[in-house]
């Protein structure tokens, strides 16, 4: 008489391994995606000039007048006028008008 093959504990291992690896892959993909977004957003250019429109982040920006060396604070990088250079070493200055 032939013995019927009884399932063992290891017979479910490939299925469990598949779901575990799939869950691990999706988790890592989620983490890497968030890391990528953080890196690209932190290094993104604050000024974006598209089709006739300008998008600019509202972030305090310090700039120095190239000719006079005067420091000033502006509400965004888009507000820095020509002749001024963005300079984060200018701290605690009065806001420009």
PDB file of N, CA and C in Angstrom:
ATOM      1  N   UNK A   1       0.818  -1.171   0.000  1.00  0.00           N
ATOM      2  CA  UNK A   1       0.000   0.000   0.000  1.00  0.00           C
ATOM      3  C   UNK A   1       0.872   1.248   0.000  1.00  0.00           C
ATOM      4  N   UNK A   2       0.431   2.182  -0.793  1.00  0.00           N
ATOM      5  CA  UNK A   2       1.180   3.431  -0.872  1.00  0.00           C
ATOM      6  C   UNK A   2       0.728   4.350   0.255  1.00  0.00           C
ATOM      7  N   UNK A   3       1.677   4.960   0.845  1.00  0.00           N
ATOM      8  CA  UNK A   3       1.358   5.881   1.928  1.00  0.00           C
ATOM      9  C   UNK A   3       0.951   7.231   1.340  1.00  0.00           C
ATOM     10  N   UNK A   4      -0.120   7.778   1.866  1.00  0.00           N
ATOM     11  CA  UNK A   4      -0.501   9.122   1.445  1.00  0.00           C
ATOM     12  C   UNK A   4       0.484  10.109   2.038  1.00  0.00           C
ATOM     13  N   UNK A   5       0.851  11.059   1.218  1.00  0.00           N
ATOM     14  CA  UNK A   5       1.814  12.070   1.678  1.00  0.00           C
ATOM     15  C   UNK A   5       1.094  13.062   2.570  1.00  0.00           C
ATOM     16  N   UNK A   6       1.535  13.172   3.778  1.00  0.00           N
ATOM     17  CA  UNK A   6       0.952  14.081   4.741  1.00  0.00           C
ATOM     18  C   UNK A   6       1.661  15.432   4.654  1.00  0.00           C
ATOM     19  N   UNK A   7       0.898  16.534   4.687  1.00  0.00           N
ATOM     20  CA  UNK A   7       1.560  17.839   4.676  1.00  0.00           C
ATOM     21  C   UNK A   7       2.355  18.044   5.967  1.00  0.00           C
ATOM     22  N   UNK A   8       3.477  18.640   5.804  1.00  0.00           N
ATOM     23  CA  UNK A   8       4.326  18.928   6.949  1.00  0.00           C
ATOM     24  C   UNK A   8       4.286  20.417   7.226  1.00  0.00           C
ATOM     25  N   UNK A   9       4.894  20.802   8.315  1.00  0.00           N
ATOM     26  CA  UNK A   9       4.944  22.215   8.657  1.00  0.00           C
ATOM     27  C   UNK A   9       5.688  23.019   7.607  1.00  0.00           C
ATOM     28  N   UNK A  10       6.650  22.453   6.965  1.00  0.00           N
ATOM     29  CA  UNK A  10       7.460  23.154   5.977  1.00  0.00           C
ATOM     30  C   UNK A  10       6.745  23.320   4.640  1.00  0.00           C
ATOM     31  N   UNK A  11       5.603  22.669   4.446  1.00  0.00           N
ATOM     32  CA  UNK A  11       4.922  22.789   3.162  1.00  0.00           C
ATOM     33  C   UNK A  11       4.339  24.187   2.959  1.00  0.00           C
ATOM     34  N   UNK A  12       4.046  24.933   4.011  1.00  0.00           N
ATOM     35  CA  UNK A  12       3.515  26.290   3.895  1.00  0.00           C
ATOM     36  C   UNK A  12       4.621  27.339   3.854  1.00  0.00           C
ATOM     37  N   UNK A  13       5.825  26.955   4.075  1.00  0.00           N
ATOM     38  CA  UNK A  13       6.939  27.893   4.131  1.00  0.00           C
ATOM     39  C   UNK A  13       7.108  28.698   2.846  1.00  0.00           C
ATOM     40  N   UNK A  14       7.047  28.087   1.648  1.00  0.00           N
ATOM     41  CA  UNK A  14       7.201  28.910   0.441  1.00  0.00           C
ATOM     42  C   UNK A  14       6.123  29.978   0.302  1.00  0.00           C
ATOM     43  N   UNK A  15       4.891  29.660   0.690  1.00  0.00           N
ATOM     44  CA  UNK A  15       3.807  30.640   0.591  1.00  0.00           C
ATOM     45  C   UNK A  15       4.035  31.752   1.604  1.00  0.00           C
ATOM     46  N   UNK A  16       4.389  31.383   2.817  1.00  0.00           N
ATOM     47  CA  UNK A  16       4.660  32.403   3.835  1.00  0.00           C
ATOM     48  C   UNK A  16       5.857  33.243   3.443  1.00  0.00           C
ATOM     49  N   UNK A  17       6.866  32.613   2.894  1.00  0.00           N
ATOM     50  CA  UNK A  17       8.057  33.355   2.464  1.00  0.00           C
ATOM     51  C   UNK A  17       7.699  34.353   1.370  1.00  0.00           C
ATOM     52  N   UNK A  18       6.838  33.941   0.448  1.00  0.00           N
ATOM     53  CA  UNK A  18       6.427  34.838  -0.633  1.00  0.00           C
ATOM     54  C   UNK A  18       5.732  36.079  -0.069  1.00  0.00           C
ATOM     55  N   UNK A  19       4.773  35.890   0.816  1.00  0.00           N
ATOM     56  CA  UNK A  19       4.030  37.024   1.371  1.00  0.00           C
ATOM     57  C   UNK A  19       4.921  37.893   2.248  1.00  0.00           C
ATOM     58  N   UNK A  20       5.819  37.251   2.981  1.00  0.00           N
ATOM     59  CA  UNK A  20       6.754  38.021   3.800  1.00  0.00           C
ATOM     60  C   UNK A  20       7.667  38.859   2.918  1.00  0.00           C
ATOM     61  N   UNK A  21       8.214  38.258   1.861  1.00  0.00           N
ATOM     62  CA  UNK A  21       9.097  39.000   0.958  1.00  0.00           C
ATOM     63  C   UNK A  21       8.347  40.103   0.220  1.00  0.00           C
ATOM     64  N   UNK A  22       7.112  39.841  -0.153  1.00  0.00           N
ATOM     65  CA  UNK A  22       6.306  40.866  -0.815  1.00  0.00           C
ATOM     66  C   UNK A  22       6.043  42.036   0.135  1.00  0.00           C
ATOM     67  N   UNK A  23       5.689  41.734   1.375  1.00  0.00           N
ATOM     68  CA  UNK A  23       5.442  42.792   2.359  1.00  0.00           C
ATOM     69  C   UNK A  23       6.723  43.574   2.639  1.00  0.00           C
ATOM     70  N   UNK A  24       7.838  42.869   2.749  1.00  0.00           N
ATOM     71  CA  UNK A  24       9.120  43.526   2.975  1.00  0.00           C
ATOM     72  C   UNK A  24       9.485  44.427   1.796  1.00  0.00           C
ATOM     73  N   UNK A  25       9.266  43.962   0.584  1.00  0.00           N
ATOM     74  CA  UNK A  25       9.549  44.757  -0.618  1.00  0.00           C
ATOM     75  C   UNK A  25       8.694  46.016  -0.647  1.00  0.00           C
ATOM     76  N   UNK A  26       7.404  45.879  -0.375  1.00  0.00           N
ATOM     77  CA  UNK A  26       6.515  47.050  -0.389  1.00  0.00           C
ATOM     78  C   UNK A  26       6.883  48.039   0.707  1.00  0.00           C
ATOM     79  N   UNK A  27       7.252  47.529   1.877  1.00  0.00           N
ATOM     80  CA  UNK A  27       7.669  48.400   2.966  1.00  0.00           C
ATOM     81  C   UNK A  27       8.929  49.174   2.584  1.00  0.00           C
ATOM     82  N   UNK A  28       9.912  48.490   2.028  1.00  0.00           N
ATOM     83  CA  UNK A  28      11.151  49.155   1.612  1.00  0.00           C
ATOM     84  C   UNK A  28      10.891  50.152   0.492  1.00  0.00           C
ATOM     85  N   UNK A  29      10.007  49.808  -0.420  1.00  0.00           N
ATOM     86  CA  UNK A  29       9.650  50.722  -1.499  1.00  0.00           C
ATOM     87  C   UNK A  29       9.012  51.987  -0.932  1.00  0.00           C
ATOM     88  N   UNK A  30       8.152  51.839   0.056  1.00  0.00           N
ATOM     89  CA  UNK A  30       7.516  52.978   0.712  1.00  0.00           C
ATOM     90  C   UNK A  30       8.556  53.861   1.401  1.00  0.00           C
ATOM     91  N   UNK A  31       9.464  53.248   2.136  1.00  0.00           N
ATOM     92  CA  UNK A  31      10.506  53.996   2.845  1.00  0.00           C
ATOM     93  C   UNK A  31      11.411  54.717   1.857  1.00  0.00           C
ATOM     94  N   UNK A  32      11.872  54.016   0.830  1.00  0.00           N
ATOM     95  CA  UNK A  32      12.758  54.642  -0.153  1.00  0.00           C
ATOM     96  C   UNK A  32      12.058  55.771  -0.903  1.00  0.00           C
ATOM     97  N   UNK A  33      10.773  55.601  -1.178  1.00  0.00           N
ATOM     98  CA  UNK A  33      10.021  56.664  -1.836  1.00  0.00           C
ATOM     99  C   UNK A  33       9.945  57.915  -0.981  1.00  0.00           C
ATOM    100  N   UNK A  34       9.720  57.746   0.309  1.00  0.00           N
ATOM    101  CA  UNK A  34       9.662  58.900   1.205  1.00  0.00           C
ATOM    102  C   UNK A  34      11.022  59.561   1.356  1.00  0.00           C
ATOM    103  N   UNK A  35      12.079  58.771   1.424  1.00  0.00           N
ATOM    104  CA  UNK A  35      13.422  59.338   1.505  1.00  0.00           C
ATOM    105  C   UNK A  35      13.725  60.136   0.245  1.00  0.00           C
ATOM    106  N   UNK A  36      13.351  59.586  -0.900  1.00  0.00           N
ATOM    107  CA  UNK A  36      13.568  60.288  -2.168  1.00  0.00           C
ATOM    108  C   UNK A  36      12.821  61.625  -2.183  1.00  0.00           C
ATOM    109  N   UNK A  37      11.577  61.621  -1.726  1.00  0.00           N
ATOM    110  CA  UNK A  37      10.802  62.868  -1.694  1.00  0.00           C
ATOM    111  C   UNK A  37      11.433  63.890  -0.755  1.00  0.00           C
ATOM    112  N   UNK A  38      11.897  63.446   0.395  1.00  0.00           N
ATOM    113  CA  UNK A  38      12.544  64.373   1.322  1.00  0.00           C
ATOM    114  C   UNK A  38      13.792  64.989   0.720  1.00  0.00           C
ATOM    115  N   UNK A  39      14.586  64.170   0.045  1.00  0.00           N
ATOM    116  CA  UNK A  39      15.826  64.679  -0.543  1.00  0.00           C
ATOM    117  C   UNK A  39      15.529  65.647  -1.676  1.00  0.00           C
ATOM    118  N   UNK A  40      14.624  65.280  -2.555  1.00  0.00           N
ATOM    119  CA  UNK A  40      14.347  66.150  -3.703  1.00  0.00           C
ATOM    120  C   UNK A  40      13.667  67.446  -3.280  1.00  0.00           C
ATOM    121  N   UNK A  41      12.821  67.385  -2.270  1.00  0.00           N
ATOM    122  CA  UNK A  41      12.168  68.618  -1.816  1.00  0.00           C
ATOM    123  C   UNK A  41      13.143  69.534  -1.108  1.00  0.00           C
ATOM    124  N   UNK A  42      14.060  68.977  -0.339  1.00  0.00           N
ATOM    125  CA  UNK A  42      14.994  69.832   0.386  1.00  0.00           C
ATOM    126  C   UNK A  42      16.030  70.447  -0.538  1.00  0.00           C
ATOM    127  N   UNK A  43      16.303  69.799  -1.671  1.00  0.00           N
ATOM    128  CA  UNK A  43      17.289  70.330  -2.611  1.00  0.00           C
ATOM    129  C   UNK A  43      16.634  71.041  -3.796  1.00  0.00           C
ATOM    130  N   UNK A  44      15.321  71.133  -3.767  1.00  0.00           N
ATOM    131  CA  UNK A  44      14.638  71.734  -4.911  1.00  0.00           C
ATOM    132  C   UNK A  44      14.932  73.226  -4.983  1.00  0.00           C
ATOM    133  N   UNK A  45      14.828  73.734  -6.161  1.00  0.00           N
ATOM    134  CA  UNK A  45      15.033  75.160  -6.383  1.00  0.00           C
ATOM    135  C   UNK A  45      13.792  75.888  -5.908  1.00  0.00           C
ATOM    136  N   UNK A  46      13.994  76.921  -5.135  1.00  0.00           N
ATOM    137  CA  UNK A  46      12.856  77.631  -4.582  1.00  0.00           C
ATOM    138  C   UNK A  46      12.129  78.456  -5.635  1.00  0.00           C
ATOM    139  N   UNK A  47      12.840  78.860  -6.647  1.00  0.00           N
ATOM    140  CA  UNK A  47      12.192  79.590  -7.730  1.00  0.00           C
ATOM    141  C   UNK A  47      11.894  78.594  -8.860  1.00  0.00           C
ATOM    142  N   UNK A  48      10.692  78.655  -9.380  1.00  0.00           N
ATOM    143  CA  UNK A  48      10.333  77.828 -10.521  1.00  0.00           C
ATOM    144  C   UNK A  48       9.629  78.721 -11.523  1.00  0.00           C
ATOM    145  N   UNK A  49      10.190  78.781 -12.701  1.00  0.00           N
ATOM    146  CA  UNK A  49       9.557  79.578 -13.735  1.00  0.00           C
ATOM    147  C   UNK A  49       9.007  78.633 -14.785  1.00  0.00           C
ATOM    148  N   UNK A  50       7.714  78.605 -14.879  1.00  0.00           N
ATOM    149  CA  UNK A  50       7.053  77.739 -15.838  1.00  0.00           C
ATOM    150  C   UNK A  50       6.480  78.559 -16.971  1.00  0.00           C
ATOM    151  N   UNK A  51       5.374  78.100 -17.513  1.00  0.00           N
ATOM    152  CA  UNK A  51       4.722  78.757 -18.639  1.00  0.00           C
ATOM    153  C   UNK A  51       4.095  80.074 -18.188  1.00  0.00           C
ATOM    154  N   UNK A  52       4.886  81.096 -18.082  1.00  0.00           N
ATOM    155  CA  UNK A  52       4.374  82.405 -17.733  1.00  0.00           C
ATOM    156  C   UNK A  52       4.051  82.592 -16.261  1.00  0.00           C
ATOM    157  N   UNK A  53       4.207  81.546 -15.465  1.00  0.00           N
ATOM    158  CA  UNK A  53       3.890  81.691 -14.047  1.00  0.00           C
ATOM    159  C   UNK A  53       5.154  81.465 -13.222  1.00  0.00           C
ATOM    160  N   UNK A  54       5.168  82.073 -12.066  1.00  0.00           N
ATOM    161  CA  UNK A  54       6.299  81.921 -11.162  1.00  0.00           C
ATOM    162  C   UNK A  54       5.769  81.383  -9.841  1.00  0.00           C
ATOM    163  N   UNK A  55       6.307  80.266  -9.414  1.00  0.00           N
ATOM    164  CA  UNK A  55       5.965  79.713  -8.118  1.00  0.00           C
ATOM    165  C   UNK A  55       7.145  79.951  -7.196  1.00  0.00           C
ATOM    166  N   UNK A  56       6.886  80.458  -6.026  1.00  0.00           N
ATOM    167  CA  UNK A  56       7.982  80.775  -5.128  1.00  0.00           C
ATOM    168  C   UNK A  56       7.591  80.430  -3.697  1.00  0.00           C
ATOM    169  N   UNK A  57       8.477  79.741  -2.995  1.00  0.00           N
ATOM    170  CA  UNK A  57       8.210  79.357  -1.612  1.00  0.00           C
ATOM    171  C   UNK A  57       8.250  80.582  -0.715  1.00  0.00           C
ATOM    172  N   UNK A  58       7.330  80.633   0.211  1.00  0.00           N
ATOM    173  CA  UNK A  58       7.289  81.723   1.181  1.00  0.00           C
ATOM    174  C   UNK A  58       8.184  81.341   2.348  1.00  0.00           C
ATOM    175  N   UNK A  59       9.450  81.652   2.224  1.00  0.00           N
ATOM    176  CA  UNK A  59      10.436  81.324   3.242  1.00  0.00           C
ATOM    177  C   UNK A  59      11.328  82.538   3.444  1.00  0.00           C
ATOM    178  N   UNK A  60      11.644  82.840   4.679  1.00  0.00           N
ATOM    179  CA  UNK A  60      12.488  84.003   4.953  1.00  0.00           C
ATOM    180  C   UNK A  60      13.841  83.790   4.282  1.00  0.00           C
ATOM    181  N   UNK A  61      14.245  84.780   3.509  1.00  0.00           N
ATOM    182  CA  UNK A  61      15.482  84.709   2.748  1.00  0.00           C
ATOM    183  C   UNK A  61      16.333  85.918   3.072  1.00  0.00           C
ATOM    184  N   UNK A  62      17.565  85.678   3.406  1.00  0.00           N
ATOM    185  CA  UNK A  62      18.498  86.758   3.697  1.00  0.00           C
ATOM    186  C   UNK A  62      19.356  87.005   2.455  1.00  0.00           C
ATOM    187  N   UNK A  63      19.601  88.282   2.178  1.00  0.00           N
ATOM    188  CA  UNK A  63      20.392  88.635   1.001  1.00  0.00           C
ATOM    189  C   UNK A  63      21.295  89.813   1.335  1.00  0.00           C
ATOM    190  N   UNK A  64      22.361  89.915   0.548  1.00  0.00           N
ATOM    191  CA  UNK A  64      23.340  90.987   0.739  1.00  0.00           C
ATOM    192  C   UNK A  64      23.427  91.800  -0.552  1.00  0.00           C
ATOM    193  N   UNK A  65      23.423  93.122  -0.396  1.00  0.00           N
ATOM    194  CA  UNK A  65      23.593  94.011  -1.536  1.00  0.00           C
ATOM    195  C   UNK A  65      25.029  93.875  -2.025  1.00  0.00           C
ATOM    196  N   UNK A  66      25.198  93.590  -3.291  1.00  0.00           N
ATOM    197  CA  UNK A  66      26.529  93.350  -3.843  1.00  0.00           C
ATOM    198  C   UNK A  66      27.397  94.604  -3.762  1.00  0.00           C
ATOM    199  N   UNK A  67      26.792  95.777  -3.987  1.00  0.00           N
ATOM    200  CA  UNK A  67      27.575  97.019  -4.007  1.00  0.00           C
ATOM    201  C   UNK A  67      27.884  97.539  -2.607  1.00  0.00           C
ATOM    202  N   UNK A  68      26.886  97.542  -1.726  1.00  0.00           N
ATOM    203  CA  UNK A  68      27.072  98.173  -0.413  1.00  0.00           C
ATOM    204  C   UNK A  68      27.413  97.187   0.698  1.00  0.00           C
ATOM    205  N   UNK A  69      27.118  95.918   0.501  1.00  0.00           N
ATOM    206  CA  UNK A  69      27.365  94.924   1.536  1.00  0.00           C
ATOM    207  C   UNK A  69      26.278  94.879   2.591  1.00  0.00           C
ATOM    208  N   UNK A  70      25.217  95.677   2.419  1.00  0.00           N
ATOM    209  CA  UNK A  70      24.113  95.719   3.362  1.00  0.00           C
ATOM    210  C   UNK A  70      23.342  94.400   3.313  1.00  0.00           C
ATOM    211  N   UNK A  71      22.918  93.913   4.494  1.00  0.00           N
ATOM    212  CA  UNK A  71      22.101  92.704   4.581  1.00  0.00           C
ATOM    213  C   UNK A  71      20.641  93.089   4.772  1.00  0.00           C
ATOM    214  N   UNK A  72      19.774  92.276   4.215  1.00  0.00           N
ATOM    215  CA  UNK A  72      18.338  92.511   4.379  1.00  0.00           C
ATOM    216  C   UNK A  72      17.611  91.178   4.386  1.00  0.00           C
ATOM    217  N   UNK A  73      16.414  91.194   4.936  1.00  0.00           N
ATOM    218  CA  UNK A  73      15.576  90.011   5.028  1.00  0.00           C
ATOM    219  C   UNK A  73      14.387  90.184   4.088  1.00  0.00           C
ATOM    220  N   UNK A  74      14.095  89.163   3.303  1.00  0.00           N
ATOM    221  CA  UNK A  74      12.980  89.195   2.355  1.00  0.00           C
ATOM    222  C   UNK A  74      12.041  88.037   2.655  1.00  0.00           C
ATOM    223  N   UNK A  75      10.801  88.189   2.235  1.00  0.00           N
ATOM    224  CA  UNK A  75       9.783  87.176   2.506  1.00  0.00           C
ATOM    225  C   UNK A  75       9.908  85.916   1.681  1.00  0.00           C
ATOM    226  N   UNK A  76      10.585  85.979   0.559  1.00  0.00           N
ATOM    227  CA  UNK A  76      10.790  84.809  -0.293  1.00  0.00           C
ATOM    228  C   UNK A  76      11.971  85.079  -1.225  1.00  0.00           C
ATOM    229  N   UNK A  77      12.522  84.049  -1.827  1.00  0.00           N
ATOM    230  CA  UNK A  77      13.622  84.259  -2.769  1.00  0.00           C
ATOM    231  C   UNK A  77      13.209  85.089  -3.988  1.00  0.00           C
ATOM    232  N   UNK A  78      11.921  85.052  -4.329  1.00  0.00           N
ATOM    233  CA  UNK A  78      11.442  85.827  -5.478  1.00  0.00           C
ATOM    234  C   UNK A  78      11.462  87.327  -5.208  1.00  0.00           C
ATOM    235  N   UNK A  79      11.458  87.722  -3.939  1.00  0.00           N
ATOM    236  CA  UNK A  79      11.442  89.136  -3.586  1.00  0.00           C
ATOM    237  C   UNK A  79      12.834  89.757  -3.549  1.00  0.00           C
ATOM    238  N   UNK A  80      13.869  88.930  -3.668  1.00  0.00           N
ATOM    239  CA  UNK A  80      15.234  89.464  -3.655  1.00  0.00           C
ATOM    240  C   UNK A  80      15.459  90.220  -4.964  1.00  0.00           C
ATOM    241  N   UNK A  81      15.751  91.521  -4.902  1.00  0.00           N
ATOM    242  CA  UNK A  81      15.891  92.312  -6.132  1.00  0.00           C
ATOM    243  C   UNK A  81      17.223  92.057  -6.833  1.00  0.00           C
ATOM    244  N   UNK A  82      17.289  92.526  -8.061  1.00  0.00           N
ATOM    245  CA  UNK A  82      18.552  92.459  -8.799  1.00  0.00           C
ATOM    246  C   UNK A  82      19.595  93.275  -8.050  1.00  0.00           C
ATOM    247  N   UNK A  83      20.837  92.833  -8.106  1.00  0.00           N
ATOM    248  CA  UNK A  83      21.901  93.525  -7.394  1.00  0.00           C
ATOM    249  C   UNK A  83      22.079  93.008  -5.973  1.00  0.00           C
ATOM    250  N   UNK A  84      21.269  92.063  -5.570  1.00  0.00           N
ATOM    251  CA  UNK A  84      21.364  91.437  -4.255  1.00  0.00           C
ATOM    252  C   UNK A  84      21.679  89.956  -4.453  1.00  0.00           C
ATOM    253  N   UNK A  85      22.455  89.397  -3.533  1.00  0.00           N
ATOM    254  CA  UNK A  85      22.815  87.987  -3.598  1.00  0.00           C
ATOM    255  C   UNK A  85      22.307  87.311  -2.334  1.00  0.00           C
ATOM    256  N   UNK A  86      21.643  86.164  -2.504  1.00  0.00           N
ATOM    257  CA  UNK A  86      21.143  85.419  -1.346  1.00  0.00           C
ATOM    258  C   UNK A  86      22.344  84.998  -0.501  1.00  0.00           C
ATOM    259  N   UNK A  87      22.268  85.328   0.791  1.00  0.00           N
ATOM    260  CA  UNK A  87      23.386  85.073   1.700  1.00  0.00           C
ATOM    261  C   UNK A  87      22.811  84.700   3.067  1.00  0.00           C
ATOM    262  N   UNK A  88      22.898  83.437   3.424  1.00  0.00           N
ATOM    263  CA  UNK A  88      22.329  82.970   4.689  1.00  0.00           C
ATOM    264  C   UNK A  88      23.179  83.367   5.896  1.00  0.00           C
ATOM    265  N   UNK A  89      24.337  83.981   5.672  1.00  0.00           N
ATOM    266  CA  UNK A  89      25.149  84.428   6.805  1.00  0.00           C
ATOM    267  C   UNK A  89      24.643  85.752   7.364  1.00  0.00           C
ATOM    268  N   UNK A  90      23.745  86.427   6.649  1.00  0.00           N
ATOM    269  CA  UNK A  90      23.135  87.669   7.143  1.00  0.00           C
ATOM    270  C   UNK A  90      21.978  87.280   8.050  1.00  0.00           C
ATOM    271  N   UNK A  91      22.199  87.305   9.331  1.00  0.00           N
ATOM    272  CA  UNK A  91      21.141  86.943  10.275  1.00  0.00           C
ATOM    273  C   UNK A  91      20.794  88.132  11.153  1.00  0.00           C
ATOM    274  N   UNK A  92      19.588  88.119  11.653  1.00  0.00           N
ATOM    275  CA  UNK A  92      19.093  89.151  12.569  1.00  0.00           C
ATOM    276  C   UNK A  92      19.216  90.554  11.994  1.00  0.00           C
ATOM    277  N   UNK A  93      18.670  90.719  10.809  1.00  0.00           N
ATOM    278  CA  UNK A  93      18.638  92.039  10.189  1.00  0.00           C
ATOM    279  C   UNK A  93      17.192  92.499  10.103  1.00  0.00           C
ATOM    280  N   UNK A  94      16.989  93.758   9.882  1.00  0.00           N
ATOM    281  CA  UNK A  94      15.632  94.288   9.780  1.00  0.00           C
ATOM    282  C   UNK A  94      15.050  93.903   8.432  1.00  0.00           C
ATOM    283  N   UNK A  95      13.758  93.602   8.402  1.00  0.00           N
ATOM    284  CA  UNK A  95      13.121  93.244   7.134  1.00  0.00           C
ATOM    285  C   UNK A  95      13.178  94.379   6.123  1.00  0.00           C
ATOM    286  N   UNK A  96      13.421  94.017   4.871  1.00  0.00           N
ATOM    287  CA  UNK A  96      13.438  95.011   3.791  1.00  0.00           C
ATOM    288  C   UNK A  96      12.010  95.401   3.446  1.00  0.00           C
ATOM    289  N   UNK A  97      11.835  96.630   2.999  1.00  0.00           N
ATOM    290  CA  UNK A  97      10.499  97.112   2.626  1.00  0.00           C
ATOM    291  C   UNK A  97      10.343  97.144   1.135  1.00  0.00           C
TER     292      UNK A  97
END
